[in-house]
Amino acid sequence: MKRHSRPRAIRQKAVETQRQFIRGILFLIGVTLMIIFIFGDHGLFQLYKLKKERQKVQEHITQLRKNREGLITEKNRLENDLDYIEKLARERFRMAKPGEKVFKVIPKSSNNQKPN
């Protein structure tokens, strides 16, 4: 009986070694798949970056829409509101009606130096 037990023990060791080898291979494959799943071209990290970029683009689009609405309002006022046009002409271009005088107000400087 001892004669048969020795090859059986060797076979069991070989089977156990094969199982460990297969488990190791499966573990390496699993780790590799996890790394690809997280850091790959279509992984979680890339998905996170794309979501952040999409959010920034959406905010930029919202800001541009608000800016566009403001410009449309400005355009309509320039086309239709004569009081607004007069106000802009007086403030930006220092225009005046005939007989009016335009005064330029110079703010006091903080260091109180007299000009030469």
PDB file of N, CA and C in Angstrom:
ATOM      1  N   MET A   1       0.779  -1.183   0.000  1.00  0.00           N
ATOM      2  CA  MET A   1       0.000   0.000   0.000  1.00  0.00           C
ATOM      3  C   MET A   1       0.837   1.271   0.000  1.00  0.00           C
ATOM      4  N   LYS A   2       1.969   1.222   0.619  1.00  0.00           N
ATOM      5  CA  LYS A   2       2.805   2.391   0.647  1.00  0.00           C
ATOM      6  C   LYS A   2       3.267   2.765  -0.747  1.00  0.00           C
ATOM      7  N   ARG A   3       3.381   1.798  -1.565  1.00  0.00           N
ATOM      8  CA  ARG A   3       3.850   2.048  -2.916  1.00  0.00           C
ATOM      9  C   ARG A   3       2.882   2.953  -3.676  1.00  0.00           C
ATOM     10  N   HIS A   4       1.606   2.791  -3.468  1.00  0.00           N
ATOM     11  CA  HIS A   4       0.600   3.603  -4.144  1.00  0.00           C
ATOM     12  C   HIS A   4       0.429   4.980  -3.494  1.00  0.00           C
ATOM     13  N   SER A   5       0.720   5.100  -2.228  1.00  0.00           N
ATOM     14  CA  SER A   5       0.515   6.367  -1.534  1.00  0.00           C
ATOM     15  C   SER A   5       1.535   7.416  -1.955  1.00  0.00           C
ATOM     16  N   ARG A   6       2.727   6.996  -2.311  1.00  0.00           N
ATOM     17  CA  ARG A   6       3.742   7.978  -2.706  1.00  0.00           C
ATOM     18  C   ARG A   6       3.377   8.682  -4.003  1.00  0.00           C
ATOM     19  N   PRO A   7       3.027   7.985  -5.066  1.00  0.00           N
ATOM     20  CA  PRO A   7       2.604   8.693  -6.277  1.00  0.00           C
ATOM     21  C   PRO A   7       1.333   9.513  -6.053  1.00  0.00           C
ATOM     22  N   ARG A   8       0.481   9.058  -5.180  1.00  0.00           N
ATOM     23  CA  ARG A   8      -0.738   9.814  -4.880  1.00  0.00           C
ATOM     24  C   ARG A   8      -0.382  11.143  -4.213  1.00  0.00           C
ATOM     25  N   ALA A   9       0.562  11.140  -3.307  1.00  0.00           N
ATOM     26  CA  ALA A   9       0.991  12.369  -2.637  1.00  0.00           C
ATOM     27  C   ALA A   9       1.638  13.320  -3.649  1.00  0.00           C
ATOM     28  N   ILE A  10       2.391  12.782  -4.555  1.00  0.00           N
ATOM     29  CA  ILE A  10       3.014  13.613  -5.590  1.00  0.00           C
ATOM     30  C   ILE A  10       1.941  14.204  -6.487  1.00  0.00           C
ATOM     31  N   ARG A  11       0.952  13.384  -6.841  1.00  0.00           N
ATOM     32  CA  ARG A  11      -0.155  13.885  -7.663  1.00  0.00           C
ATOM     33  C   ARG A  11      -0.933  14.979  -6.936  1.00  0.00           C
ATOM     34  N   GLN A  12      -1.169  14.812  -5.647  1.00  0.00           N
ATOM     35  CA  GLN A  12      -1.898  15.821  -4.874  1.00  0.00           C
ATOM     36  C   GLN A  12      -1.105  17.129  -4.806  1.00  0.00           C
ATOM     37  N   LYS A  13       0.224  17.008  -4.649  1.00  0.00           N
ATOM     38  CA  LYS A  13       1.051  18.210  -4.641  1.00  0.00           C
ATOM     39  C   LYS A  13       1.008  18.896  -6.007  1.00  0.00           C
ATOM     40  N   ALA A  14       1.039  18.100  -7.050  1.00  0.00           N
ATOM     41  CA  ALA A  14       0.985  18.666  -8.403  1.00  0.00           C
ATOM     42  C   ALA A  14      -0.355  19.348  -8.643  1.00  0.00           C
ATOM     43  N   VAL A  15      -1.436  18.707  -8.199  1.00  0.00           N
ATOM     44  CA  VAL A  15      -2.769  19.295  -8.353  1.00  0.00           C
ATOM     45  C   VAL A  15      -2.861  20.585  -7.550  1.00  0.00           C
ATOM     46  N   GLU A  16      -2.339  20.589  -6.341  1.00  0.00           N
ATOM     47  CA  GLU A  16      -2.363  21.799  -5.495  1.00  0.00           C
ATOM     48  C   GLU A  16      -1.520  22.911  -6.122  1.00  0.00           C
ATOM     49  N   THR A  17      -0.381  22.551  -6.676  1.00  0.00           N
ATOM     50  CA  THR A  17       0.472  23.537  -7.337  1.00  0.00           C
ATOM     51  C   THR A  17      -0.252  24.127  -8.550  1.00  0.00           C
ATOM     52  N   GLN A  18      -0.930  23.278  -9.312  1.00  0.00           N
ATOM     53  CA  GLN A  18      -1.692  23.767 -10.462  1.00  0.00           C
ATOM     54  C   GLN A  18      -2.808  24.704 -10.005  1.00  0.00           C
ATOM     55  N   ARG A  19      -3.484  24.346  -8.920  1.00  0.00           N
ATOM     56  CA  ARG A  19      -4.547  25.209  -8.403  1.00  0.00           C
ATOM     57  C   ARG A  19      -3.990  26.567  -7.980  1.00  0.00           C
ATOM     58  N   GLN A  20      -2.872  26.564  -7.282  1.00  0.00           N
ATOM     59  CA  GLN A  20      -2.263  27.824  -6.870  1.00  0.00           C
ATOM     60  C   GLN A  20      -1.849  28.648  -8.086  1.00  0.00           C
ATOM     61  N   PHE A  21      -1.300  27.971  -9.087  1.00  0.00           N
ATOM     62  CA  PHE A  21      -0.881  28.664 -10.306  1.00  0.00           C
ATOM     63  C   PHE A  21      -2.091  29.289 -11.006  1.00  0.00           C
ATOM     64  N   ILE A  22      -3.174  28.536 -11.109  1.00  0.00           N
ATOM     65  CA  ILE A  22      -4.390  29.036 -11.758  1.00  0.00           C
ATOM     66  C   ILE A  22      -4.986  30.187 -10.946  1.00  0.00           C
ATOM     67  N   ARG A  23      -4.987  30.046  -9.617  1.00  0.00           N
ATOM     68  CA  ARG A  23      -5.480  31.144  -8.775  1.00  0.00           C
ATOM     69  C   ARG A  23      -4.632  32.401  -8.955  1.00  0.00           C
ATOM     70  N   GLY A  24      -3.325  32.224  -9.020  1.00  0.00           N
ATOM     71  CA  GLY A  24      -2.424  33.366  -9.238  1.00  0.00           C
ATOM     72  C   GLY A  24      -2.696  34.042 -10.578  1.00  0.00           C
ATOM     73  N   ILE A  25      -2.861  33.236 -11.625  1.00  0.00           N
ATOM     74  CA  ILE A  25      -3.157  33.774 -12.957  1.00  0.00           C
ATOM     75  C   ILE A  25      -4.495  34.518 -12.933  1.00  0.00           C
ATOM     76  N   LEU A  26      -5.505  33.917 -12.333  1.00  0.00           N
ATOM     77  CA  LEU A  26      -6.819  34.561 -12.243  1.00  0.00           C
ATOM     78  C   LEU A  26      -6.745  35.861 -11.437  1.00  0.00           C
ATOM     79  N   PHE A  27      -5.952  35.834 -10.360  1.00  0.00           N
ATOM     80  CA  PHE A  27      -5.780  37.050  -9.562  1.00  0.00           C
ATOM     81  C   PHE A  27      -5.126  38.156 -10.399  1.00  0.00           C
ATOM     82  N   LEU A  28      -4.071  37.800 -11.144  1.00  0.00           N
ATOM     83  CA  LEU A  28      -3.402  38.799 -11.997  1.00  0.00           C
ATOM     84  C   LEU A  28      -4.349  39.331 -13.073  1.00  0.00           C
ATOM     85  N   ILE A  29      -5.138  38.457 -13.656  1.00  0.00           N
ATOM     86  CA  ILE A  29      -6.109  38.888 -14.664  1.00  0.00           C
ATOM     87  C   ILE A  29      -7.144  39.815 -14.031  1.00  0.00           C
ATOM     88  N   GLY A  30      -7.613  39.464 -12.839  1.00  0.00           N
ATOM     89  CA  GLY A  30      -8.586  40.305 -12.135  1.00  0.00           C
ATOM     90  C   GLY A  30      -8.021  41.675 -11.809  1.00  0.00           C
ATOM     91  N   VAL A  31      -6.790  41.711 -11.305  1.00  0.00           N
ATOM     92  CA  VAL A  31      -6.153  42.993 -10.989  1.00  0.00           C
ATOM     93  C   VAL A  31      -5.971  43.819 -12.258  1.00  0.00           C
ATOM     94  N   THR A  32      -5.544  43.178 -13.327  1.00  0.00           N
ATOM     95  CA  THR A  32      -5.375  43.884 -14.596  1.00  0.00           C
ATOM     96  C   THR A  32      -6.696  44.467 -15.091  1.00  0.00           C
ATOM     97  N   LEU A  33      -7.754  43.691 -15.008  1.00  0.00           N
ATOM     98  CA  LEU A  33      -9.068  44.181 -15.432  1.00  0.00           C
ATOM     99  C   LEU A  33      -9.541  45.349 -14.564  1.00  0.00           C
ATOM    100  N   MET A  34      -9.270  45.278 -13.263  1.00  0.00           N
ATOM    101  CA  MET A  34      -9.645  46.384 -12.370  1.00  0.00           C
ATOM    102  C   MET A  34      -8.877  47.655 -12.727  1.00  0.00           C
ATOM    103  N   ILE A  35      -7.586  47.512 -13.002  1.00  0.00           N
ATOM    104  CA  ILE A  35      -6.782  48.679 -13.380  1.00  0.00           C
ATOM    105  C   ILE A  35      -7.297  49.265 -14.686  1.00  0.00           C
ATOM    106  N   ILE A  36      -7.598  48.422 -15.647  1.00  0.00           N
ATOM    107  CA  ILE A  36      -8.144  48.903 -16.920  1.00  0.00           C
ATOM    108  C   ILE A  36      -9.504  49.551 -16.700  1.00  0.00           C
ATOM    109  N   PHE A  37     -10.332  48.952 -15.851  1.00  0.00           N
ATOM    110  CA  PHE A  37     -11.663  49.490 -15.570  1.00  0.00           C
ATOM    111  C   PHE A  37     -11.583  50.870 -14.923  1.00  0.00           C
ATOM    112  N   ILE A  38     -10.587  51.086 -14.089  1.00  0.00           N
ATOM    113  CA  ILE A  38     -10.470  52.368 -13.392  1.00  0.00           C
ATOM    114  C   ILE A  38      -9.699  53.390 -14.220  1.00  0.00           C
ATOM    115  N   PHE A  39      -8.550  53.002 -14.772  1.00  0.00           N
ATOM    116  CA  PHE A  39      -7.660  53.961 -15.411  1.00  0.00           C
ATOM    117  C   PHE A  39      -7.609  53.874 -16.936  1.00  0.00           C
ATOM    118  N   GLY A  40      -8.377  53.016 -17.544  1.00  0.00           N
ATOM    119  CA  GLY A  40      -8.325  52.853 -18.996  1.00  0.00           C
ATOM    120  C   GLY A  40      -8.932  54.029 -19.742  1.00  0.00           C
ATOM    121  N   ASP A  41      -8.903  53.953 -21.065  1.00  0.00           N
ATOM    122  CA  ASP A  41      -9.438  55.023 -21.915  1.00  0.00           C
ATOM    123  C   ASP A  41     -10.921  55.258 -21.674  1.00  0.00           C
ATOM    124  N   HIS A  42     -11.645  54.235 -21.319  1.00  0.00           N
ATOM    125  CA  HIS A  42     -13.072  54.356 -21.046  1.00  0.00           C
ATOM    126  C   HIS A  42     -13.368  53.999 -19.587  1.00  0.00           C
ATOM    127  N   GLY A  43     -12.393  54.208 -18.714  1.00  0.00           N
ATOM    128  CA  GLY A  43     -12.526  53.836 -17.314  1.00  0.00           C
ATOM    129  C   GLY A  43     -13.184  54.912 -16.467  1.00  0.00           C
ATOM    130  N   LEU A  44     -13.250  54.620 -15.190  1.00  0.00           N
ATOM    131  CA  LEU A  44     -13.909  55.525 -14.246  1.00  0.00           C
ATOM    132  C   LEU A  44     -13.197  56.862 -14.138  1.00  0.00           C
ATOM    133  N   PHE A  45     -11.872  56.835 -14.145  1.00  0.00           N
ATOM    134  CA  PHE A  45     -11.111  58.089 -14.035  1.00  0.00           C
ATOM    135  C   PHE A  45     -11.383  58.986 -15.238  1.00  0.00           C
ATOM    136  N   GLN A  46     -11.376  58.406 -16.429  1.00  0.00           N
ATOM    137  CA  GLN A  46     -11.663  59.171 -17.645  1.00  0.00           C
ATOM    138  C   GLN A  46     -13.096  59.689 -17.621  1.00  0.00           C
ATOM    139  N   LEU A  47     -14.024  58.871 -17.146  1.00  0.00           N
ATOM    140  CA  LEU A  47     -15.415  59.287 -17.035  1.00  0.00           C
ATOM    141  C   LEU A  47     -15.551  60.473 -16.085  1.00  0.00           C
ATOM    142  N   TYR A  48     -14.845  60.445 -14.976  1.00  0.00           N
ATOM    143  CA  TYR A  48     -14.855  61.547 -14.018  1.00  0.00           C
ATOM    144  C   TYR A  48     -14.327  62.830 -14.661  1.00  0.00           C
ATOM    145  N   LYS A  49     -13.214  62.728 -15.391  1.00  0.00           N
ATOM    146  CA  LYS A  49     -12.645  63.900 -16.066  1.00  0.00           C
ATOM    147  C   LYS A  49     -13.617  64.457 -17.101  1.00  0.00           C
ATOM    148  N   LEU A  50     -14.267  63.582 -17.847  1.00  0.00           N
ATOM    149  CA  LEU A  50     -15.216  64.033 -18.859  1.00  0.00           C
ATOM    150  C   LEU A  50     -16.423  64.725 -18.236  1.00  0.00           C
ATOM    151  N   LYS A  51     -16.890  64.232 -17.085  1.00  0.00           N
ATOM    152  CA  LYS A  51     -18.014  64.871 -16.406  1.00  0.00           C
ATOM    153  C   LYS A  51     -17.631  66.261 -15.925  1.00  0.00           C
ATOM    154  N   LYS A  52     -16.419  66.411 -15.390  1.00  0.00           N
ATOM    155  CA  LYS A  52     -15.957  67.726 -14.937  1.00  0.00           C
ATOM    156  C   LYS A  52     -15.854  68.689 -16.118  1.00  0.00           C
ATOM    157  N   GLU A  53     -15.305  68.206 -17.230  1.00  0.00           N
ATOM    158  CA  GLU A  53     -15.176  69.044 -18.429  1.00  0.00           C
ATOM    159  C   GLU A  53     -16.553  69.426 -18.968  1.00  0.00           C
ATOM    160  N   ARG A  54     -17.476  68.487 -18.957  1.00  0.00           N
ATOM    161  CA  ARG A  54     -18.834  68.767 -19.428  1.00  0.00           C
ATOM    162  C   ARG A  54     -19.499  69.832 -18.561  1.00  0.00           C
ATOM    163  N   GLN A  55     -19.289  69.746 -17.257  1.00  0.00           N
ATOM    164  CA  GLN A  55     -19.855  70.739 -16.341  1.00  0.00           C
ATOM    165  C   GLN A  55     -19.289  72.130 -16.629  1.00  0.00           C
ATOM    166  N   LYS A  56     -17.984  72.212 -16.884  1.00  0.00           N
ATOM    167  CA  LYS A  56     -17.370  73.502 -17.207  1.00  0.00           C
ATOM    168  C   LYS A  56     -17.933  74.060 -18.507  1.00  0.00           C
ATOM    169  N   VAL A  57     -18.101  73.195 -19.502  1.00  0.00           N
ATOM    170  CA  VAL A  57     -18.646  73.641 -20.790  1.00  0.00           C
ATOM    171  C   VAL A  57     -20.086  74.116 -20.622  1.00  0.00           C
ATOM    172  N   GLN A  58     -20.868  73.403 -19.814  1.00  0.00           N
ATOM    173  CA  GLN A  58     -22.254  73.811 -19.574  1.00  0.00           C
ATOM    174  C   GLN A  58     -22.310  75.173 -18.884  1.00  0.00           C
ATOM    175  N   GLU A  59     -21.419  75.398 -17.913  1.00  0.00           N
ATOM    176  CA  GLU A  59     -21.366  76.701 -17.244  1.00  0.00           C
ATOM    177  C   GLU A  59     -20.979  77.800 -18.221  1.00  0.00           C
ATOM    178  N   HIS A  60     -20.031  77.494 -19.105  1.00  0.00           N
ATOM    179  CA  HIS A  60     -19.608  78.477 -20.110  1.00  0.00           C
ATOM    180  C   HIS A  60     -20.759  78.785 -21.071  1.00  0.00           C
ATOM    181  N   ILE A  61     -21.494  77.769 -21.464  1.00  0.00           N
ATOM    182  CA  ILE A  61     -22.643  77.971 -22.352  1.00  0.00           C
ATOM    183  C   ILE A  61     -23.695  78.832 -21.667  1.00  0.00           C
ATOM    184  N   THR A  62     -23.950  78.565 -20.392  1.00  0.00           N
ATOM    185  CA  THR A  62     -24.923  79.365 -19.642  1.00  0.00           C
ATOM    186  C   THR A  62     -24.484  80.820 -19.576  1.00  0.00           C
ATOM    187  N   GLN A  63     -23.199  81.047 -19.318  1.00  0.00           N
ATOM    188  CA  GLN A  63     -22.672  82.413 -19.260  1.00  0.00           C
ATOM    189  C   GLN A  63     -22.801  83.099 -20.622  1.00  0.00           C
ATOM    190  N   LEU A  64     -22.506  82.379 -21.693  1.00  0.00           N
ATOM    191  CA  LEU A  64     -22.628  82.961 -23.035  1.00  0.00           C
ATOM    192  C   LEU A  64     -24.077  83.291 -23.368  1.00  0.00           C
ATOM    193  N   ARG A  65     -25.001  82.454 -22.928  1.00  0.00           N
ATOM    194  CA  ARG A  65     -26.424  82.744 -23.173  1.00  0.00           C
ATOM    195  C   ARG A  65     -26.857  84.003 -22.449  1.00  0.00           C
ATOM    196  N   LYS A  66     -26.416  84.166 -21.195  1.00  0.00           N
ATOM    197  CA  LYS A  66     -26.739  85.383 -20.451  1.00  0.00           C
ATOM    198  C   LYS A  66     -26.146  86.607 -21.137  1.00  0.00           C
ATOM    199  N   ASN A  67     -24.903  86.466 -21.589  1.00  0.00           N
ATOM    200  CA  ASN A  67     -24.236  87.555 -22.302  1.00  0.00           C
ATOM    201  C   ASN A  67     -24.987  87.899 -23.579  1.00  0.00           C
ATOM    202  N   ARG A  68     -25.430  86.879 -24.288  1.00  0.00           N
ATOM    203  CA  ARG A  68     -26.187  87.091 -25.536  1.00  0.00           C
ATOM    204  C   ARG A  68     -27.495  87.827 -25.255  1.00  0.00           C
ATOM    205  N   GLU A  69     -28.198  87.432 -24.196  1.00  0.00           N
ATOM    206  CA  GLU A  69     -29.450  88.111 -23.849  1.00  0.00           C
ATOM    207  C   GLU A  69     -29.202  89.581 -23.521  1.00  0.00           C
ATOM    208  N   GLY A  70     -28.102  89.843 -22.793  1.00  0.00           N
ATOM    209  CA  GLY A  70     -27.751  91.226 -22.479  1.00  0.00           C
ATOM    210  C   GLY A  70     -27.444  92.032 -23.734  1.00  0.00           C
ATOM    211  N   LEU A  71     -26.748  91.410 -24.673  1.00  0.00           N
ATOM    212  CA  LEU A  71     -26.427  92.109 -25.927  1.00  0.00           C
ATOM    213  C   LEU A  71     -27.678  92.365 -26.762  1.00  0.00           C
ATOM    214  N   ILE A  72     -28.606  91.424 -26.757  1.00  0.00           N
ATOM    215  CA  ILE A  72     -29.861  91.629 -27.493  1.00  0.00           C
ATOM    216  C   ILE A  72     -30.643  92.783 -26.876  1.00  0.00           C
ATOM    217  N   THR A  73     -30.675  92.820 -25.544  1.00  0.00           N
ATOM    218  CA  THR A  73     -31.354  93.920 -24.864  1.00  0.00           C
ATOM    219  C   THR A  73     -30.685  95.249 -25.194  1.00  0.00           C
ATOM    220  N   GLU A  74     -29.373  95.269 -25.158  1.00  0.00           N
ATOM    221  CA  GLU A  74     -28.608  96.487 -25.494  1.00  0.00           C
ATOM    222  C   GLU A  74     -28.905  96.927 -26.932  1.00  0.00           C
ATOM    223  N   LYS A  75     -28.941  95.969 -27.839  1.00  0.00           N
ATOM    224  CA  LYS A  75     -29.225  96.272 -29.242  1.00  0.00           C
ATOM    225  C   LYS A  75     -30.610  96.896 -29.391  1.00  0.00           C
ATOM    226  N   ASN A  76     -31.603  96.301 -28.731  1.00  0.00           N
ATOM    227  CA  ASN A  76     -32.965  96.834 -28.809  1.00  0.00           C
ATOM    228  C   ASN A  76     -33.041  98.247 -28.237  1.00  0.00           C
ATOM    229  N   ARG A  77     -32.328  98.473 -27.132  1.00  0.00           N
ATOM    230  CA  ARG A  77     -32.331  99.819 -26.547  1.00  0.00           C
ATOM    231  C   ARG A  77     -31.659 100.820 -27.473  1.00  0.00           C
ATOM    232  N   LEU A  78     -30.579 100.401 -28.117  1.00  0.00           N
ATOM    233  CA  LEU A  78     -29.890 101.314 -29.042  1.00  0.00           C
ATOM    234  C   LEU A  78     -30.744 101.614 -30.274  1.00  0.00           C
ATOM    235  N   GLU A  79     -31.551 100.653 -30.683  1.00  0.00           N
ATOM    236  CA  GLU A  79     -32.395 100.870 -31.854  1.00  0.00           C
ATOM    237  C   GLU A  79     -33.650 101.683 -31.538  1.00  0.00           C
ATOM    238  N   ASN A  80     -34.157 101.592 -30.311  1.00  0.00           N
ATOM    239  CA  ASN A  80     -35.479 102.154 -30.037  1.00  0.00           C
ATOM    240  C   ASN A  80     -35.522 103.223 -28.947  1.00  0.00           C
ATOM    241  N   ASP A  81     -34.572 103.276 -28.030  1.00  0.00           N
ATOM    242  CA  ASP A  81     -34.650 104.163 -26.873  1.00  0.00           C
ATOM    243  C   ASP A  81     -33.753 105.395 -27.074  1.00  0.00           C
ATOM    244  N   LEU A  82     -34.368 106.520 -27.435  1.00  0.00           N
ATOM    245  CA  LEU A  82     -33.594 107.735 -27.702  1.00  0.00           C
ATOM    246  C   LEU A  82     -32.972 108.301 -26.427  1.00  0.00           C
ATOM    247  N   ASP A  83     -33.641 108.168 -25.291  1.00  0.00           N
ATOM    248  CA  ASP A  83     -33.073 108.653 -24.030  1.00  0.00           C
ATOM    249  C   ASP A  83     -31.798 107.882 -23.680  1.00  0.00           C
ATOM    250  N   TYR A  84     -31.806 106.598 -23.936  1.00  0.00           N
ATOM    251  CA  TYR A  84     -30.618 105.764 -23.658  1.00  0.00           C
ATOM    252  C   TYR A  84     -29.466 106.166 -24.578  1.00  0.00           C
ATOM    253  N   ILE A  85     -29.777 106.411 -25.839  1.00  0.00           N
ATOM    254  CA  ILE A  85     -28.743 106.833 -26.788  1.00  0.00           C
ATOM    255  C   ILE A  85     -28.143 108.164 -26.342  1.00  0.00           C
ATOM    256  N   GLU A  86     -28.995 109.082 -25.915  1.00  0.00           N
ATOM    257  CA  GLU A  86     -28.500 110.391 -25.448  1.00  0.00           C
ATOM    258  C   GLU A  86     -27.621 110.209 -24.206  1.00  0.00           C
ATOM    259  N   LYS A  87     -28.033 109.363 -23.300  1.00  0.00           N
ATOM    260  CA  LYS A  87     -27.245 109.111 -22.086  1.00  0.00           C
ATOM    261  C   LYS A  87     -25.865 108.559 -22.435  1.00  0.00           C
ATOM    262  N   LEU A  88     -25.816 107.595 -23.356  1.00  0.00           N
ATOM    263  CA  LEU A  88     -24.531 107.030 -23.775  1.00  0.00           C
ATOM    264  C   LEU A  88     -23.657 108.080 -24.440  1.00  0.00           C
ATOM    265  N   ALA A  89     -24.263 108.924 -25.287  1.00  0.00           N
ATOM    266  CA  ALA A  89     -23.494 109.957 -25.976  1.00  0.00           C
ATOM    267  C   ALA A  89     -22.888 110.933 -24.967  1.00  0.00           C
ATOM    268  N   ARG A  90     -23.626 111.276 -23.948  1.00  0.00           N
ATOM    269  CA  ARG A  90     -23.116 112.202 -22.929  1.00  0.00           C
ATOM    270  C   ARG A  90     -22.024 111.557 -22.074  1.00  0.00           C
ATOM    271  N   GLU A  91     -22.227 110.299 -21.659  1.00  0.00           N
ATOM    272  CA  GLU A  91     -21.278 109.649 -20.748  1.00  0.00           C
ATOM    273  C   GLU A  91     -20.019 109.172 -21.452  1.00  0.00           C
ATOM    274  N   ARG A  92     -20.163 108.489 -22.545  1.00  0.00           N
ATOM    275  CA  ARG A  92     -19.008 107.879 -23.202  1.00  0.00           C
ATOM    276  C   ARG A  92     -18.252 108.843 -24.109  1.00  0.00           C
ATOM    277  N   PHE A  93     -18.978 109.656 -24.823  1.00  0.00           N
ATOM    278  CA  PHE A  93     -18.331 110.488 -25.835  1.00  0.00           C
ATOM    279  C   PHE A  93     -18.285 111.968 -25.454  1.00  0.00           C
ATOM    280  N   ARG A  94     -18.746 112.295 -24.252  1.00  0.00           N
ATOM    281  CA  ARG A  94     -18.744 113.659 -23.722  1.00  0.00           C
ATOM    282  C   ARG A  94     -19.381 114.648 -24.701  1.00  0.00           C
ATOM    283  N   MET A  95     -20.468 114.245 -25.239  1.00  0.00           N
ATOM    284  CA  MET A  95     -21.197 115.111 -26.159  1.00  0.00           C
ATOM    285  C   MET A  95     -22.158 115.989 -25.359  1.00  0.00           C
ATOM    286  N   ALA A  96     -22.485 117.112 -25.927  1.00  0.00           N
ATOM    287  CA  ALA A  96     -23.395 118.039 -25.251  1.00  0.00           C
ATOM    288  C   ALA A  96     -24.310 118.676 -26.278  1.00  0.00           C
ATOM    289  N   LYS A  97     -25.438 119.145 -25.789  1.00  0.00           N
ATOM    290  CA  LYS A  97     -26.353 119.870 -26.653  1.00  0.00           C
ATOM    291  C   LYS A  97     -25.774 121.262 -26.900  1.00  0.00           C
ATOM    292  N   PRO A  98     -26.213 121.929 -27.940  1.00  0.00           N
ATOM    293  CA  PRO A  98     -25.712 123.289 -28.183  1.00  0.00           C
ATOM    294  C   PRO A  98     -26.002 124.187 -26.981  1.00  0.00           C
ATOM    295  N   GLY A  99     -24.977 124.931 -26.550  1.00  0.00           N
ATOM    296  CA  GLY A  99     -25.109 125.831 -25.426  1.00  0.00           C
ATOM    297  C   GLY A  99     -24.741 125.208 -24.092  1.00  0.00           C
ATOM    298  N   GLU A 100     -24.584 123.878 -24.012  1.00  0.00           N
ATOM    299  CA  GLU A 100     -24.204 123.224 -22.767  1.00  0.00           C
ATOM    300  C   GLU A 100     -22.682 123.162 -22.670  1.00  0.00           C
ATOM    301  N   LYS A 101     -22.175 123.139 -21.448  1.00  0.00           N
ATOM    302  CA  LYS A 101     -20.741 123.012 -21.224  1.00  0.00           C
ATOM    303  C   LYS A 101     -20.481 121.662 -20.573  1.00  0.00           C
ATOM    304  N   VAL A 102     -19.391 121.043 -20.965  1.00  0.00           N
ATOM    305  CA  VAL A 102     -19.010 119.757 -20.413  1.00  0.00           C
ATOM    306  C   VAL A 102     -17.847 119.979 -19.456  1.00  0.00           C
ATOM    307  N   PHE A 103     -17.998 119.508 -18.233  1.00  0.00           N
ATOM    308  CA  PHE A 103     -16.949 119.623 -17.227  1.00  0.00           C
ATOM    309  C   PHE A 103     -16.388 118.238 -16.950  1.00  0.00           C
ATOM    310  N   LYS A 104     -15.073 118.196 -16.875  1.00  0.00           N
ATOM    311  CA  LYS A 104     -14.406 116.938 -16.555  1.00  0.00           C
ATOM    312  C   LYS A 104     -13.997 116.992 -15.088  1.00  0.00           C
ATOM    313  N   VAL A 105     -14.443 116.030 -14.302  1.00  0.00           N
ATOM    314  CA  VAL A 105     -14.139 115.973 -12.875  1.00  0.00           C
ATOM    315  C   VAL A 105     -12.929 115.079 -12.684  1.00  0.00           C
ATOM    316  N   ILE A 106     -11.898 115.635 -12.061  1.00  0.00           N
ATOM    317  CA  ILE A 106     -10.677 114.875 -11.795  1.00  0.00           C
ATOM    318  C   ILE A 106     -10.656 114.552 -10.306  1.00  0.00           C
ATOM    319  N   PRO A 107     -10.607 113.277  -9.953  1.00  0.00           N
ATOM    320  CA  PRO A 107     -10.591 112.922  -8.535  1.00  0.00           C
ATOM    321  C   PRO A 107      -9.270 113.324  -7.879  1.00  0.00           C
ATOM    322  N   LYS A 108      -9.338 113.663  -6.583  1.00  0.00           N
ATOM    323  CA  LYS A 108      -8.134 114.014  -5.842  1.00  0.00           C
ATOM    324  C   LYS A 108      -7.248 112.793  -5.716  1.00  0.00           C
ATOM    325  N   SER A 109      -5.941 113.014  -5.865  1.00  0.00           N
ATOM    326  CA  SER A 109      -5.016 111.898  -5.679  1.00  0.00           C
ATOM    327  C   SER A 109      -4.775 111.697  -4.193  1.00  0.00           C
ATOM    328  N   SER A 110      -4.435 110.506  -3.800  1.00  0.00           N
ATOM    329  CA  SER A 110      -4.313 110.170  -2.383  1.00  0.00           C
ATOM    330  C   SER A 110      -3.022 110.689  -1.762  1.00  0.00           C
ATOM    331  N   ASN A 111      -1.969 111.002  -2.563  1.00  0.00           N
ATOM    332  CA  ASN A 111      -0.702 111.430  -1.981  1.00  0.00           C
ATOM    333  C   ASN A 111      -0.569 112.953  -1.913  1.00  0.00           C
ATOM    334  N   ASN A 112      -1.584 113.734  -2.281  1.00  0.00           N
ATOM    335  CA  ASN A 112      -1.606 115.187  -2.130  1.00  0.00           C
ATOM    336  C   ASN A 112      -0.386 115.881  -2.721  1.00  0.00           C
ATOM    337  N   GLN A 113       0.120 115.423  -3.832  1.00  0.00           N
ATOM    338  CA  GLN A 113       1.244 116.094  -4.470  1.00  0.00           C
ATOM    339  C   GLN A 113       0.721 117.115  -5.447  1.00  0.00           C
ATOM    340  N   LYS A 114       1.357 118.264  -5.503  1.00  0.00           N
ATOM    341  CA  LYS A 114       0.964 119.318  -6.426  1.00  0.00           C
ATOM    342  C   LYS A 114       1.690 119.103  -7.748  1.00  0.00           C
ATOM    343  N   PRO A 115       0.987 119.290  -8.868  1.00  0.00           N
ATOM    344  CA  PRO A 115       1.651 119.142 -10.162  1.00  0.00           C
ATOM    345  C   PRO A 115       2.586 120.317 -10.392  1.00  0.00           C
ATOM    346  N   ASN A 116       3.656 120.113 -11.153  1.00  0.00           N
ATOM    347  CA  ASN A 116       4.631 121.170 -11.447  1.00  0.00           C
ATOM    348  C   ASN A 116       4.134 122.131 -12.447  1.00  0.00           C
TER     349      ASN A 116
END
